[in-house]
Amino acid sequence: MNKPDLPSIPVFKLYGESLEWPTPDLLHCETISKRSREHHWHINPHRHADLCQLLFVFKGQAELEIEGQRSNLTEPAIQILPPLSVHGFRFSEDVEGYVVTLAAPLVAQLQVQLGHSFNALEQADSYPAGKDGGYLDSLFSALQNEYNSHQPAREMLMHSLLSVIVVWLSRQVLQRRTAQARPQRAREYLNGFIQLVEETYRQHVKVEDLAHRLGISVSHLNGTCRELAGQPALQIMHERQLLEAKRLLTYTSMTIYEMSDVLGFSDPTNFTRLFRRRVGISPKAFRDRLKADQDTDT
């Protein structure tokens, strides 16, 4: 028994056209409405074998379907569509924007200029234009005008405009990757700091020394501690000292003098002052309260 054929995804040079590349240029530029209007604002899922596309939505809305995942663009944004990514669109009739299609040789050239270790066009993703919406619209509009003209040095100017757009994109990609990596790095710094505190809380080392051992500045360390632990670095160090003090007060019969010495305080008065400021009562009152609670329980 023959198995039924799986549905195939159309592969186009440009949507709805034959496999022939329609221009001698290494890029193609058109407004979103030019092609979408012909298809009643609905572009069925398809893919391009060796083309990368930049979809810039400036006004209106776009419903995207990329590799089976649906999303919506309701604010100005650029959507990257790398080769072979399956994508389809549904646009509002008031949509304004552009579709720039890049042939593989041009993509490779841009990658060389950006550096082989970093390619902004390799992954399908969208990047909000934010405050740069008008700026990007002017770039895409100039690219469209130049594409439709026959002025001297047309290709040079088109590639220059495209380079500016791709540099903008590459910076957005870099910022996003940095932002995504920051929480993990911050967590690693905090964990490293807490480990150092555990090793040194009896030695009363300076926050600057621990920050230096982590390879970051004091302000960076304090910012990380406040963000992830809700308190600055010195306060975390004090909390560890006080935790040990409470343990000693609870489970040993050490005097306050002995306890302050074990915890690295040069003067019992300094220990008592810190304990009272952070806990609200003196070490002696803390121990007396524990004893009273134990007597009540028995």
C-alpha atoms as a PDB file:
ATOM      1  CA  MET A   1       0.000   0.000   0.000  1.00  0.00           C
ATOM      2  CA  ASN A   2       1.431   3.329  -1.018  1.00  0.00           C
ATOM      3  CA  LYS A   3       1.836   5.949   1.683  1.00  0.00           C
ATOM      4  CA  PRO A   4       0.072   9.255   0.987  1.00  0.00           C
ATOM      5  CA  ASP A   5       2.378  12.047  -0.089  1.00  0.00           C
ATOM      6  CA  LEU A   6       3.163  14.585   2.627  1.00  0.00           C
ATOM      7  CA  PRO A   7       2.036  18.126   1.789  1.00  0.00           C
ATOM      8  CA  SER A   8       4.930  20.124   0.426  1.00  0.00           C
ATOM      9  CA  ILE A   9       5.777  23.685   1.357  1.00  0.00           C
ATOM     10  CA  PRO A  10       6.132  25.938  -1.703  1.00  0.00           C
ATOM     11  CA  VAL A  11       9.614  27.250  -2.394  1.00  0.00           C
ATOM     12  CA  PHE A  12       9.648  30.613  -4.136  1.00  0.00           C
ATOM     13  CA  LYS A  13      12.202  33.150  -5.224  1.00  0.00           C
ATOM     14  CA  LEU A  14       9.569  35.785  -4.484  1.00  0.00           C
ATOM     15  CA  TYR A  15       6.107  34.841  -3.292  1.00  0.00           C
ATOM     16  CA  GLY A  16       3.804  33.892  -6.131  1.00  0.00           C
ATOM     17  CA  GLU A  17       6.462  34.124  -8.824  1.00  0.00           C
ATOM     18  CA  SER A  18       8.414  31.544 -10.800  1.00  0.00           C
ATOM     19  CA  LEU A  19      11.811  30.310  -9.690  1.00  0.00           C
ATOM     20  CA  GLU A  20      13.508  32.929 -11.829  1.00  0.00           C
ATOM     21  CA  TRP A  21      15.119  35.754  -9.874  1.00  0.00           C
ATOM     22  CA  PRO A  22      13.339  38.837 -11.258  1.00  0.00           C
ATOM     23  CA  THR A  23      16.216  41.320 -11.075  1.00  0.00           C
ATOM     24  CA  PRO A  24      19.923  41.482 -11.952  1.00  0.00           C
ATOM     25  CA  ASP A  25      20.515  43.038  -8.517  1.00  0.00           C
ATOM     26  CA  LEU A  26      21.523  41.052  -5.482  1.00  0.00           C
ATOM     27  CA  LEU A  27      18.580  42.530  -3.616  1.00  0.00           C
ATOM     28  CA  HIS A  28      14.927  43.181  -4.265  1.00  0.00           C
ATOM     29  CA  CYS A  29      12.899  45.861  -2.503  1.00  0.00           C
ATOM     30  CA  GLU A  30       9.164  46.507  -2.580  1.00  0.00           C
ATOM     31  CA  THR A  31       6.417  47.800  -0.329  1.00  0.00           C
ATOM     32  CA  ILE A  32       4.426  45.296   1.697  1.00  0.00           C
ATOM     33  CA  SER A  33       1.190  46.426   0.082  1.00  0.00           C
ATOM     34  CA  LYS A  34       2.402  45.879  -3.509  1.00  0.00           C
ATOM     35  CA  ARG A  35       2.412  42.097  -3.272  1.00  0.00           C
ATOM     36  CA  SER A  36       0.049  41.581  -0.352  1.00  0.00           C
ATOM     37  CA  ARG A  37      -2.820  43.494  -1.954  1.00  0.00           C
ATOM     38  CA  GLU A  38      -2.731  41.079  -4.902  1.00  0.00           C
ATOM     39  CA  HIS A  39      -3.193  38.191  -2.468  1.00  0.00           C
ATOM     40  CA  HIS A  40      -5.900  39.880  -0.361  1.00  0.00           C
ATOM     41  CA  TRP A  41      -3.384  40.719   2.382  1.00  0.00           C
ATOM     42  CA  HIS A  42      -2.718  37.034   3.093  1.00  0.00           C
ATOM     43  CA  ILE A  43       0.568  35.349   2.204  1.00  0.00           C
ATOM     44  CA  ASN A  44       0.373  31.582   2.690  1.00  0.00           C
ATOM     45  CA  PRO A  45       3.265  29.742   4.394  1.00  0.00           C
ATOM     46  CA  HIS A  46       6.209  29.258   2.050  1.00  0.00           C
ATOM     47  CA  ARG A  47       9.996  29.405   2.096  1.00  0.00           C
ATOM     48  CA  HIS A  48      12.936  30.647   0.031  1.00  0.00           C
ATOM     49  CA  ALA A  49      15.760  28.249  -0.721  1.00  0.00           C
ATOM     50  CA  ASP A  50      18.649  30.714  -0.776  1.00  0.00           C
ATOM     51  CA  LEU A  51      17.185  34.100   0.090  1.00  0.00           C
ATOM     52  CA  CYS A  52      17.058  36.122   3.286  1.00  0.00           C
ATOM     53  CA  GLN A  53      14.243  38.623   3.799  1.00  0.00           C
ATOM     54  CA  LEU A  54      13.828  41.661   6.014  1.00  0.00           C
ATOM     55  CA  LEU A  55      10.199  42.562   6.673  1.00  0.00           C
ATOM     56  CA  PHE A  56       9.813  46.089   8.049  1.00  0.00           C
ATOM     57  CA  VAL A  57       6.334  46.936   9.355  1.00  0.00           C
ATOM     58  CA  PHE A  58       6.075  50.670  10.020  1.00  0.00           C
ATOM     59  CA  LYS A  59       2.309  51.124  10.376  1.00  0.00           C
ATOM     60  CA  GLY A  60      -0.652  48.805  10.633  1.00  0.00           C
ATOM     61  CA  GLN A  61      -0.498  45.251  11.892  1.00  0.00           C
ATOM     62  CA  ALA A  62       0.959  41.943  10.772  1.00  0.00           C
ATOM     63  CA  GLU A  63       0.124  38.453  11.941  1.00  0.00           C
ATOM     64  CA  LEU A  64       3.179  36.254  11.409  1.00  0.00           C
ATOM     65  CA  GLU A  65       3.398  32.493  11.158  1.00  0.00           C
ATOM     66  CA  ILE A  66       7.030  31.361  11.273  1.00  0.00           C
ATOM     67  CA  GLU A  67       7.903  27.681  11.569  1.00  0.00           C
ATOM     68  CA  GLY A  68       4.397  27.032  12.850  1.00  0.00           C
ATOM     69  CA  GLN A  69       4.585  29.704  15.572  1.00  0.00           C
ATOM     70  CA  ARG A  70       2.193  32.640  15.417  1.00  0.00           C
ATOM     71  CA  SER A  71       2.953  36.160  16.629  1.00  0.00           C
ATOM     72  CA  ASN A  72       1.776  39.700  15.974  1.00  0.00           C
ATOM     73  CA  LEU A  73       3.545  42.927  15.098  1.00  0.00           C
ATOM     74  CA  THR A  74       1.499  45.884  16.287  1.00  0.00           C
ATOM     75  CA  GLU A  75       4.365  48.371  16.588  1.00  0.00           C
ATOM     76  CA  PRO A  76       7.125  49.265  14.085  1.00  0.00           C
ATOM     77  CA  ALA A  77       9.571  46.367  13.867  1.00  0.00           C
ATOM     78  CA  ILE A  78      11.906  44.439  11.576  1.00  0.00           C
ATOM     79  CA  GLN A  79      11.370  40.699  11.155  1.00  0.00           C
ATOM     80  CA  ILE A  80      14.345  38.635   9.953  1.00  0.00           C
ATOM     81  CA  LEU A  81      13.517  35.636   7.756  1.00  0.00           C
ATOM     82  CA  PRO A  82      16.614  33.521   7.022  1.00  0.00           C
ATOM     83  CA  PRO A  83      16.793  31.080   4.076  1.00  0.00           C
ATOM     84  CA  LEU A  84      14.504  28.024   4.285  1.00  0.00           C
ATOM     85  CA  SER A  85      12.478  29.380   7.206  1.00  0.00           C
ATOM     86  CA  VAL A  86       8.802  28.621   6.607  1.00  0.00           C
ATOM     87  CA  HIS A  87       6.814  31.818   6.943  1.00  0.00           C
ATOM     88  CA  GLY A  88       3.430  33.309   6.121  1.00  0.00           C
ATOM     89  CA  PHE A  89       1.731  36.626   6.827  1.00  0.00           C
ATOM     90  CA  ARG A  90      -1.661  38.254   7.227  1.00  0.00           C
ATOM     91  CA  PHE A  91      -1.588  42.048   7.064  1.00  0.00           C
ATOM     92  CA  SER A  92      -4.103  44.727   7.957  1.00  0.00           C
ATOM     93  CA  GLU A  93      -5.206  46.710   4.910  1.00  0.00           C
ATOM     94  CA  ASP A  94      -3.667  49.900   6.307  1.00  0.00           C
ATOM     95  CA  VAL A  95      -0.213  48.316   6.586  1.00  0.00           C
ATOM     96  CA  GLU A  96       2.821  50.367   5.583  1.00  0.00           C
ATOM     97  CA  GLY A  97       6.310  48.985   5.287  1.00  0.00           C
ATOM     98  CA  TYR A  98       8.782  47.170   3.069  1.00  0.00           C
ATOM     99  CA  VAL A  99      10.108  43.742   2.188  1.00  0.00           C
ATOM    100  CA  VAL A 100      13.791  43.555   1.269  1.00  0.00           C
ATOM    101  CA  THR A 101      14.981  40.262  -0.219  1.00  0.00           C
ATOM    102  CA  LEU A 102      18.703  39.478  -0.214  1.00  0.00           C
ATOM    103  CA  ALA A 103      20.414  36.935  -2.465  1.00  0.00           C
ATOM    104  CA  ALA A 104      22.891  34.540  -0.853  1.00  0.00           C
ATOM    105  CA  PRO A 105      26.052  36.245  -2.225  1.00  0.00           C
ATOM    106  CA  LEU A 106      24.986  39.566  -0.718  1.00  0.00           C
ATOM    107  CA  VAL A 107      24.209  37.921   2.644  1.00  0.00           C
ATOM    108  CA  ALA A 108      27.674  36.339   2.608  1.00  0.00           C
ATOM    109  CA  GLN A 109      29.258  39.690   1.807  1.00  0.00           C
ATOM    110  CA  LEU A 110      27.442  41.358   4.691  1.00  0.00           C
ATOM    111  CA  GLN A 111      28.502  38.575   7.016  1.00  0.00           C
ATOM    112  CA  VAL A 112      32.146  39.077   6.086  1.00  0.00           C
ATOM    113  CA  GLN A 113      31.831  42.804   6.789  1.00  0.00           C
ATOM    114  CA  LEU A 114      30.199  42.145  10.171  1.00  0.00           C
ATOM    115  CA  GLY A 115      32.650  39.395  11.069  1.00  0.00           C
ATOM    116  CA  HIS A 116      32.210  35.677  10.626  1.00  0.00           C
ATOM    117  CA  SER A 117      31.693  35.149  14.336  1.00  0.00           C
ATOM    118  CA  PHE A 118      28.554  37.263  14.309  1.00  0.00           C
ATOM    119  CA  ASN A 119      25.756  37.094  11.769  1.00  0.00           C
ATOM    120  CA  ALA A 120      22.644  39.120  12.500  1.00  0.00           C
ATOM    121  CA  LEU A 121      20.699  37.453   9.679  1.00  0.00           C
ATOM    122  CA  GLU A 122      21.036  33.827  10.746  1.00  0.00           C
ATOM    123  CA  GLN A 123      17.961  33.464  12.956  1.00  0.00           C
ATOM    124  CA  ALA A 124      14.276  34.287  12.487  1.00  0.00           C
ATOM    125  CA  ASP A 125      13.382  36.960  15.019  1.00  0.00           C
ATOM    126  CA  SER A 126      11.724  40.352  15.283  1.00  0.00           C
ATOM    127  CA  TYR A 127      13.266  43.552  16.614  1.00  0.00           C
ATOM    128  CA  PRO A 128      11.050  46.476  17.686  1.00  0.00           C
ATOM    129  CA  ALA A 129      12.072  49.762  16.105  1.00  0.00           C
ATOM    130  CA  GLY A 130      11.254  51.761  19.220  1.00  0.00           C
ATOM    131  CA  LYS A 131      12.443  55.356  18.974  1.00  0.00           C
ATOM    132  CA  ASP A 132      14.210  54.515  15.696  1.00  0.00           C
ATOM    133  CA  GLY A 133      10.970  53.871  13.810  1.00  0.00           C
ATOM    134  CA  GLY A 134      11.085  57.053  11.756  1.00  0.00           C
ATOM    135  CA  TYR A 135      14.808  56.644  11.121  1.00  0.00           C
ATOM    136  CA  LEU A 136      14.359  53.106   9.827  1.00  0.00           C
ATOM    137  CA  ASP A 137      11.406  54.131   7.696  1.00  0.00           C
ATOM    138  CA  SER A 138      13.548  56.792   6.040  1.00  0.00           C
ATOM    139  CA  LEU A 139      16.268  54.201   5.311  1.00  0.00           C
ATOM    140  CA  PHE A 140      13.858  51.675   3.810  1.00  0.00           C
ATOM    141  CA  SER A 141      12.101  54.420   1.854  1.00  0.00           C
ATOM    142  CA  ALA A 142      15.405  55.659   0.434  1.00  0.00           C
ATOM    143  CA  LEU A 143      16.336  52.080  -0.460  1.00  0.00           C
ATOM    144  CA  GLN A 144      13.005  51.606  -2.222  1.00  0.00           C
ATOM    145  CA  ASN A 145      13.384  54.859  -4.154  1.00  0.00           C
ATOM    146  CA  GLU A 146      16.906  53.966  -5.209  1.00  0.00           C
ATOM    147  CA  TYR A 147      15.835  50.470  -6.217  1.00  0.00           C
ATOM    148  CA  ASN A 148      13.222  51.941  -8.573  1.00  0.00           C
ATOM    149  CA  SER A 149      15.612  54.534 -10.025  1.00  0.00           C
ATOM    150  CA  HIS A 150      18.366  54.333 -12.608  1.00  0.00           C
ATOM    151  CA  GLN A 151      20.753  56.863 -11.157  1.00  0.00           C
ATOM    152  CA  PRO A 152      24.562  56.565 -11.364  1.00  0.00           C
ATOM    153  CA  ALA A 153      26.153  54.432  -8.607  1.00  0.00           C
ATOM    154  CA  ARG A 154      22.707  53.010  -7.845  1.00  0.00           C
ATOM    155  CA  GLU A 155      24.049  49.663  -6.599  1.00  0.00           C
ATOM    156  CA  MET A 156      26.626  51.324  -4.351  1.00  0.00           C
ATOM    157  CA  LEU A 157      24.020  53.487  -2.698  1.00  0.00           C
ATOM    158  CA  MET A 158      21.573  50.598  -2.286  1.00  0.00           C
ATOM    159  CA  HIS A 159      24.227  48.467  -0.632  1.00  0.00           C
ATOM    160  CA  SER A 160      25.241  51.388   1.602  1.00  0.00           C
ATOM    161  CA  LEU A 161      21.662  51.885   2.775  1.00  0.00           C
ATOM    162  CA  LEU A 162      21.268  48.163   3.336  1.00  0.00           C
ATOM    163  CA  SER A 163      24.518  48.108   5.328  1.00  0.00           C
ATOM    164  CA  VAL A 164      23.174  50.791   7.662  1.00  0.00           C
ATOM    165  CA  ILE A 165      20.002  48.748   8.217  1.00  0.00           C
ATOM    166  CA  VAL A 166      21.959  45.554   8.884  1.00  0.00           C
ATOM    167  CA  VAL A 167      24.306  47.344  11.298  1.00  0.00           C
ATOM    168  CA  TRP A 168      21.225  48.571  13.202  1.00  0.00           C
ATOM    169  CA  LEU A 169      19.940  44.997  13.284  1.00  0.00           C
ATOM    170  CA  SER A 170      23.283  43.565  14.374  1.00  0.00           C
ATOM    171  CA  ARG A 171      23.393  45.981  17.304  1.00  0.00           C
ATOM    172  CA  GLN A 172      19.877  44.950  18.355  1.00  0.00           C
ATOM    173  CA  VAL A 173      20.876  41.294  18.155  1.00  0.00           C
ATOM    174  CA  LEU A 174      23.978  41.973  20.253  1.00  0.00           C
ATOM    175  CA  GLN A 175      22.022  43.930  22.856  1.00  0.00           C
ATOM    176  CA  ARG A 176      19.453  41.151  23.130  1.00  0.00           C
ATOM    177  CA  ARG A 177      22.083  38.449  23.479  1.00  0.00           C
ATOM    178  CA  THR A 178      23.897  40.505  26.106  1.00  0.00           C
ATOM    179  CA  ALA A 179      20.657  41.084  28.014  1.00  0.00           C
ATOM    180  CA  GLN A 180      19.830  37.373  27.890  1.00  0.00           C
ATOM    181  CA  ALA A 181      23.294  36.444  29.140  1.00  0.00           C
ATOM    182  CA  ARG A 182      23.319  39.059  31.923  1.00  0.00           C
ATOM    183  CA  PRO A 183      20.963  37.287  34.399  1.00  0.00           C
ATOM    184  CA  GLN A 184      23.020  34.091  34.300  1.00  0.00           C
ATOM    185  CA  ARG A 185      26.270  35.995  34.691  1.00  0.00           C
ATOM    186  CA  ALA A 186      24.798  38.022  37.535  1.00  0.00           C
ATOM    187  CA  ARG A 187      23.687  34.837  39.277  1.00  0.00           C
ATOM    188  CA  GLU A 188      27.196  33.424  38.913  1.00  0.00           C
ATOM    189  CA  TYR A 189      28.660  36.586  40.469  1.00  0.00           C
ATOM    190  CA  LEU A 190      26.223  36.415  43.389  1.00  0.00           C
ATOM    191  CA  ASN A 191      26.917  32.731  43.987  1.00  0.00           C
ATOM    192  CA  GLY A 192      30.654  33.431  43.865  1.00  0.00           C
ATOM    193  CA  PHE A 193      30.265  36.297  46.320  1.00  0.00           C
ATOM    194  CA  ILE A 194      28.227  34.214  48.760  1.00  0.00           C
ATOM    195  CA  GLN A 195      30.878  31.497  48.608  1.00  0.00           C
ATOM    196  CA  LEU A 196      33.592  34.046  49.380  1.00  0.00           C
ATOM    197  CA  VAL A 197      31.522  35.432  52.261  1.00  0.00           C
ATOM    198  CA  GLU A 198      31.211  31.901  53.651  1.00  0.00           C
ATOM    199  CA  GLU A 199      34.977  31.536  53.517  1.00  0.00           C
ATOM    200  CA  THR A 200      35.836  34.944  54.978  1.00  0.00           C
ATOM    201  CA  TYR A 201      33.002  36.189  57.219  1.00  0.00           C
ATOM    202  CA  ARG A 202      35.147  35.721  60.343  1.00  0.00           C
ATOM    203  CA  GLN A 203      37.982  37.740  58.794  1.00  0.00           C
ATOM    204  CA  HIS A 204      36.032  40.972  58.179  1.00  0.00           C
ATOM    205  CA  VAL A 205      37.510  41.521  54.718  1.00  0.00           C
ATOM    206  CA  LYS A 206      36.479  44.590  52.763  1.00  0.00           C
ATOM    207  CA  VAL A 207      33.771  44.494  50.100  1.00  0.00           C
ATOM    208  CA  GLU A 208      36.351  45.926  47.687  1.00  0.00           C
ATOM    209  CA  ASP A 209      38.607  42.901  48.235  1.00  0.00           C
ATOM    210  CA  LEU A 210      35.843  40.409  47.479  1.00  0.00           C
ATOM    211  CA  ALA A 211      34.737  42.372  44.400  1.00  0.00           C
ATOM    212  CA  HIS A 212      38.342  42.349  43.199  1.00  0.00           C
ATOM    213  CA  ARG A 213      38.541  38.578  43.655  1.00  0.00           C
ATOM    214  CA  LEU A 214      35.388  38.229  41.543  1.00  0.00           C
ATOM    215  CA  GLY A 215      36.861  40.497  38.866  1.00  0.00           C
ATOM    216  CA  ILE A 216      34.143  43.161  39.066  1.00  0.00           C
ATOM    217  CA  SER A 217      33.783  46.628  40.546  1.00  0.00           C
ATOM    218  CA  VAL A 218      32.199  47.352  43.925  1.00  0.00           C
ATOM    219  CA  SER A 219      29.310  49.159  42.250  1.00  0.00           C
ATOM    220  CA  HIS A 220      28.744  46.168  39.957  1.00  0.00           C
ATOM    221  CA  LEU A 221      28.792  43.804  42.932  1.00  0.00           C
ATOM    222  CA  ASN A 222      26.407  45.978  44.948  1.00  0.00           C
ATOM    223  CA  GLY A 223      24.059  46.332  41.978  1.00  0.00           C
ATOM    224  CA  THR A 224      24.025  42.553  41.490  1.00  0.00           C
ATOM    225  CA  CYS A 225      23.403  41.914  45.192  1.00  0.00           C
ATOM    226  CA  ARG A 226      20.567  44.442  45.332  1.00  0.00           C
ATOM    227  CA  GLU A 227      18.975  43.060  42.156  1.00  0.00           C
ATOM    228  CA  LEU A 228      19.127  39.371  43.101  1.00  0.00           C
ATOM    229  CA  ALA A 229      19.303  39.367  46.906  1.00  0.00           C
ATOM    230  CA  GLY A 230      17.528  42.604  47.773  1.00  0.00           C
ATOM    231  CA  GLN A 231      20.408  44.043  49.804  1.00  0.00           C
ATOM    232  CA  PRO A 232      23.918  45.452  49.224  1.00  0.00           C
ATOM    233  CA  ALA A 233      27.063  43.356  49.558  1.00  0.00           C
ATOM    234  CA  LEU A 234      28.061  44.593  53.034  1.00  0.00           C
ATOM    235  CA  GLN A 235      24.630  43.783  54.396  1.00  0.00           C
ATOM    236  CA  ILE A 236      24.924  40.208  53.086  1.00  0.00           C
ATOM    237  CA  MET A 237      28.280  39.923  54.869  1.00  0.00           C
ATOM    238  CA  HIS A 238      26.748  41.220  58.104  1.00  0.00           C
ATOM    239  CA  GLU A 239      23.815  38.814  57.789  1.00  0.00           C
ATOM    240  CA  ARG A 240      26.216  35.871  57.612  1.00  0.00           C
ATOM    241  CA  GLN A 241      28.054  37.083  60.735  1.00  0.00           C
ATOM    242  CA  LEU A 242      24.767  37.530  62.568  1.00  0.00           C
ATOM    243  CA  LEU A 243      23.535  34.089  61.530  1.00  0.00           C
ATOM    244  CA  GLU A 244      26.618  32.554  63.122  1.00  0.00           C
ATOM    245  CA  ALA A 245      26.174  34.765  66.180  1.00  0.00           C
ATOM    246  CA  LYS A 246      22.595  33.517  66.629  1.00  0.00           C
ATOM    247  CA  ARG A 247      23.785  29.932  66.338  1.00  0.00           C
ATOM    248  CA  LEU A 248      26.433  30.511  69.012  1.00  0.00           C
ATOM    249  CA  LEU A 249      23.918  32.256  71.266  1.00  0.00           C
ATOM    250  CA  THR A 250      21.477  29.395  70.840  1.00  0.00           C
ATOM    251  CA  TYR A 251      23.689  26.329  71.044  1.00  0.00           C
ATOM    252  CA  THR A 252      26.733  27.351  73.125  1.00  0.00           C
ATOM    253  CA  SER A 253      27.405  28.961  76.474  1.00  0.00           C
ATOM    254  CA  MET A 254      30.088  31.301  75.103  1.00  0.00           C
ATOM    255  CA  THR A 255      30.320  34.722  76.634  1.00  0.00           C
ATOM    256  CA  ILE A 256      29.711  37.757  74.472  1.00  0.00           C
ATOM    257  CA  TYR A 257      33.447  38.474  74.641  1.00  0.00           C
ATOM    258  CA  GLU A 258      34.346  34.954  73.463  1.00  0.00           C
ATOM    259  CA  MET A 259      31.727  35.071  70.757  1.00  0.00           C
ATOM    260  CA  SER A 260      32.870  38.404  69.344  1.00  0.00           C
ATOM    261  CA  ASP A 261      36.441  37.095  69.281  1.00  0.00           C
ATOM    262  CA  VAL A 262      35.413  33.925  67.386  1.00  0.00           C
ATOM    263  CA  LEU A 263      33.522  36.068  64.877  1.00  0.00           C
ATOM    264  CA  GLY A 264      36.556  38.268  64.277  1.00  0.00           C
ATOM    265  CA  PHE A 265      35.413  41.451  66.056  1.00  0.00           C
ATOM    266  CA  SER A 266      38.252  43.417  67.621  1.00  0.00           C
ATOM    267  CA  ASP A 267      35.951  44.770  70.323  1.00  0.00           C
ATOM    268  CA  PRO A 268      32.838  43.134  71.880  1.00  0.00           C
ATOM    269  CA  THR A 269      31.193  46.549  71.817  1.00  0.00           C
ATOM    270  CA  ASN A 270      31.325  46.588  68.009  1.00  0.00           C
ATOM    271  CA  PHE A 271      29.753  43.133  67.889  1.00  0.00           C
ATOM    272  CA  THR A 272      26.987  44.129  70.292  1.00  0.00           C
ATOM    273  CA  ARG A 273      26.328  47.357  68.396  1.00  0.00           C
ATOM    274  CA  LEU A 274      25.993  45.529  65.059  1.00  0.00           C
ATOM    275  CA  PHE A 275      23.774  42.847  66.579  1.00  0.00           C
ATOM    276  CA  ARG A 276      21.467  45.391  68.219  1.00  0.00           C
ATOM    277  CA  ARG A 277      21.262  47.509  65.052  1.00  0.00           C
ATOM    278  CA  ARG A 278      20.378  44.549  62.801  1.00  0.00           C
ATOM    279  CA  VAL A 279      18.365  42.305  65.135  1.00  0.00           C
ATOM    280  CA  GLY A 280      16.736  44.965  67.278  1.00  0.00           C
ATOM    281  CA  ILE A 281      17.910  43.653  70.633  1.00  0.00           C
ATOM    282  CA  SER A 282      21.281  42.981  72.263  1.00  0.00           C
ATOM    283  CA  PRO A 283      22.945  39.553  72.124  1.00  0.00           C
ATOM    284  CA  LYS A 284      22.246  39.059  75.840  1.00  0.00           C
ATOM    285  CA  ALA A 285      18.568  39.912  75.382  1.00  0.00           C
ATOM    286  CA  PHE A 286      18.400  37.499  72.434  1.00  0.00           C
ATOM    287  CA  ARG A 287      19.823  34.666  74.573  1.00  0.00           C
ATOM    288  CA  ASP A 288      17.556  35.539  77.515  1.00  0.00           C
ATOM    289  CA  ARG A 289      14.517  35.436  75.244  1.00  0.00           C
ATOM    290  CA  LEU A 290      15.542  32.019  73.896  1.00  0.00           C
ATOM    291  CA  LYS A 291      15.956  30.716  77.450  1.00  0.00           C
ATOM    292  CA  ALA A 292      12.559  32.120  78.468  1.00  0.00           C
ATOM    293  CA  ASP A 293      10.897  30.469  75.470  1.00  0.00           C
ATOM    294  CA  GLN A 294      12.523  27.129  76.313  1.00  0.00           C
ATOM    295  CA  ASP A 295      11.379  27.400  79.934  1.00  0.00           C
ATOM    296  CA  THR A 296       7.839  28.118  78.780  1.00  0.00           C
ATOM    297  CA  ASP A 297       7.856  25.069  76.481  1.00  0.00           C
ATOM    298  CA  THR A 298       8.948  22.815  79.311  1.00  0.00           C
END
